[in-house]
Amino acid sequence: MPNSDGLLVDIAAMVESERSNQMPLTVVVPGAVITGRLAPESLWRERVAEVLETSEHLKPFSALFASSRRATAADTAPGADSGTSTGEPPTHLHLHLARILQGSYGLPHTGGMYRIAIEDVSSWTVGDLSYSDQ
């Protein structure tokens, strides 16, 4: 991760180790500003699997998110490294309840699930940016 921000990596690692999904974060990546709640990868994968499971057409893909989790049962204990079985620092941010900000609108309105490579983040701030849906 030659261009990764060390502080952002540390924040992501702390979210992974604490199993918290309450850290609001807004990131700027090429072509988009995305705001949402930073979540541990295992929780993010679980939620994506749940959403896919409810779709008749996408249900087979849910197994990819449920079975290919990098975290093991030992890694999910409080205080575990970064949520990976290797103990390596996180390489991606996992946002839920996330919206892409376009002008004064947040898309999707209900929030989505985004996986963002940390090395692609050019700037960030703690907190949700507000938007108008009118």
Protein backbone atom coordinates (compact mmCIF):
# COMPACT_ATOMS: atom_id res chain seq x y z
CA MET A 1 0.00 0.00 0.00
CA PRO A 2 2.50 2.64 -1.12
CA ASN A 3 0.02 5.55 -1.07
CA SER A 4 -2.01 4.58 1.98
CA ASP A 5 -2.61 7.03 4.81
CA GLY A 6 -1.24 5.46 8.00
CA LEU A 7 -3.83 7.10 10.22
CA LEU A 8 -6.68 5.82 8.04
CA VAL A 9 -5.18 2.31 8.15
CA ASP A 10 -4.98 2.59 11.96
CA ILE A 11 -8.63 3.67 12.17
CA ALA A 12 -9.69 0.75 9.97
CA ALA A 13 -7.62 -1.67 12.08
CA MET A 14 -9.21 -0.34 15.26
CA VAL A 15 -12.71 -0.81 13.81
CA GLU A 16 -11.72 -4.38 12.86
CA SER A 17 -10.34 -5.17 16.32
CA GLU A 18 -13.18 -3.53 18.26
CA ARG A 19 -15.90 -5.02 16.04
CA SER A 20 -17.53 -1.57 15.99
CA ASN A 21 -19.72 -0.25 13.21
CA GLN A 22 -20.34 3.17 14.67
CA MET A 23 -17.42 5.13 13.11
CA PRO A 24 -18.87 7.62 10.61
CA LEU A 25 -16.47 8.26 7.75
CA THR A 26 -16.52 10.23 4.51
CA VAL A 27 -13.94 9.44 1.83
CA VAL A 28 -12.99 10.95 -1.50
CA VAL A 29 -12.05 8.42 -4.18
CA PRO A 30 -11.61 8.96 -7.92
CA GLY A 31 -15.00 10.08 -9.21
CA ALA A 32 -16.94 9.97 -5.94
CA VAL A 33 -17.45 11.20 -2.40
CA ILE A 34 -18.81 8.39 -0.24
CA THR A 35 -20.14 8.79 3.29
CA GLY A 36 -21.23 6.04 5.67
CA ARG A 37 -20.36 3.94 8.71
CA LEU A 38 -17.08 2.05 8.80
CA ALA A 39 -17.68 -1.61 9.67
CA PRO A 40 -15.48 -4.64 10.28
CA GLU A 41 -15.08 -6.74 7.15
CA SER A 42 -16.74 -9.79 8.73
CA LEU A 43 -19.85 -7.78 9.64
CA TRP A 44 -19.91 -6.15 6.20
CA ARG A 45 -19.69 -9.57 4.48
CA GLU A 46 -22.46 -10.91 6.72
CA ARG A 47 -24.76 -8.03 5.83
CA VAL A 48 -24.06 -8.31 2.10
CA ALA A 49 -24.76 -12.06 2.28
CA GLU A 50 -28.07 -11.36 4.05
CA VAL A 51 -29.15 -8.91 1.35
CA LEU A 52 -28.19 -11.27 -1.47
CA GLU A 53 -29.94 -14.17 0.25
CA THR A 54 -33.28 -12.36 -0.10
CA SER A 55 -32.99 -12.11 -3.89
CA GLU A 56 -34.10 -15.04 -6.01
CA HIS A 57 -31.61 -14.12 -8.75
CA LEU A 58 -28.67 -13.14 -6.55
CA LYS A 59 -29.05 -15.77 -3.81
CA PRO A 60 -26.23 -18.02 -5.16
CA PHE A 61 -23.75 -15.15 -4.70
CA SER A 62 -24.50 -14.89 -0.98
CA ALA A 63 -22.38 -17.98 -0.36
CA LEU A 64 -19.33 -16.14 -1.68
CA PHE A 65 -19.66 -13.52 1.03
CA ALA A 66 -20.64 -15.96 3.76
CA SER A 67 -18.03 -18.67 3.06
CA SER A 68 -15.03 -16.66 1.92
CA ARG A 69 -14.69 -14.59 5.07
CA ARG A 70 -11.08 -13.97 5.89
CA ALA A 71 -11.78 -13.82 9.61
CA THR A 72 -11.84 -17.04 11.58
CA ALA A 73 -13.62 -17.63 14.86
CA ALA A 74 -10.40 -16.77 16.73
CA ASP A 75 -10.07 -13.51 14.79
CA THR A 76 -13.56 -12.36 15.74
CA ALA A 77 -12.71 -12.24 19.44
CA PRO A 78 -12.45 -8.73 20.89
CA GLY A 79 -8.91 -7.43 20.59
CA ALA A 80 -8.00 -9.53 17.56
CA ASP A 81 -5.53 -7.87 15.18
CA SER A 82 -7.28 -6.38 12.16
CA GLY A 83 -9.90 -8.99 11.38
CA THR A 84 -7.69 -10.91 9.00
CA SER A 85 -6.28 -14.34 9.62
CA THR A 86 -2.78 -13.06 8.78
CA GLY A 87 -2.80 -10.09 11.16
CA GLU A 88 -1.90 -7.82 8.25
CA PRO A 89 -3.19 -4.25 8.29
CA PRO A 90 -6.50 -3.71 6.48
CA THR A 91 -6.30 -2.93 2.77
CA HIS A 92 -9.96 -1.98 2.31
CA LEU A 93 -12.59 0.09 4.06
CA HIS A 94 -16.02 -1.51 4.45
CA LEU A 95 -18.83 1.02 4.66
CA HIS A 96 -22.47 0.29 5.37
CA LEU A 97 -25.39 2.71 5.36
CA ALA A 98 -23.23 4.45 2.78
CA ARG A 99 -24.22 6.94 0.13
CA ILE A 100 -22.44 8.38 -2.88
CA LEU A 101 -22.86 12.13 -2.67
CA GLN A 102 -23.86 13.74 -5.97
CA GLY A 103 -24.56 17.43 -5.62
CA SER A 104 -27.17 17.73 -2.91
CA TYR A 105 -28.32 14.09 -3.17
CA GLY A 106 -27.17 10.89 -1.49
CA LEU A 107 -27.43 7.71 -3.57
CA PRO A 108 -28.90 5.25 -2.79
CA HIS A 109 -31.40 6.96 -0.54
CA THR A 110 -31.45 4.01 1.89
CA GLY A 111 -27.68 3.59 1.99
CA GLY A 112 -25.61 0.82 0.50
CA MET A 113 -22.63 -1.41 1.16
CA TYR A 114 -19.30 -0.26 -0.29
CA ARG A 115 -15.82 -1.79 -0.24
CA ILE A 116 -13.11 0.76 -0.96
CA ALA A 117 -9.38 0.17 -1.40
CA ILE A 118 -7.58 2.32 1.17
CA GLU A 119 -4.89 3.17 -1.37
CA ASP A 120 -7.59 4.80 -3.57
CA VAL A 121 -8.66 7.26 -0.87
CA SER A 122 -7.29 10.72 -1.66
CA SER A 123 -8.85 12.46 1.36
CA TRP A 124 -11.21 11.67 4.21
CA THR A 125 -12.91 13.06 7.26
CA VAL A 126 -14.50 11.55 10.33
CA GLY A 127 -18.25 12.09 10.20
CA ASP A 128 -21.15 11.81 7.80
CA LEU A 129 -21.59 14.62 5.34
CA SER A 130 -25.19 15.70 5.30
CA TYR A 131 -27.17 16.02 2.12
CA SER A 132 -30.62 17.08 1.07
CA ASP A 133 -33.02 14.55 -0.43
CA GLN A 134 -35.46 17.21 -1.64
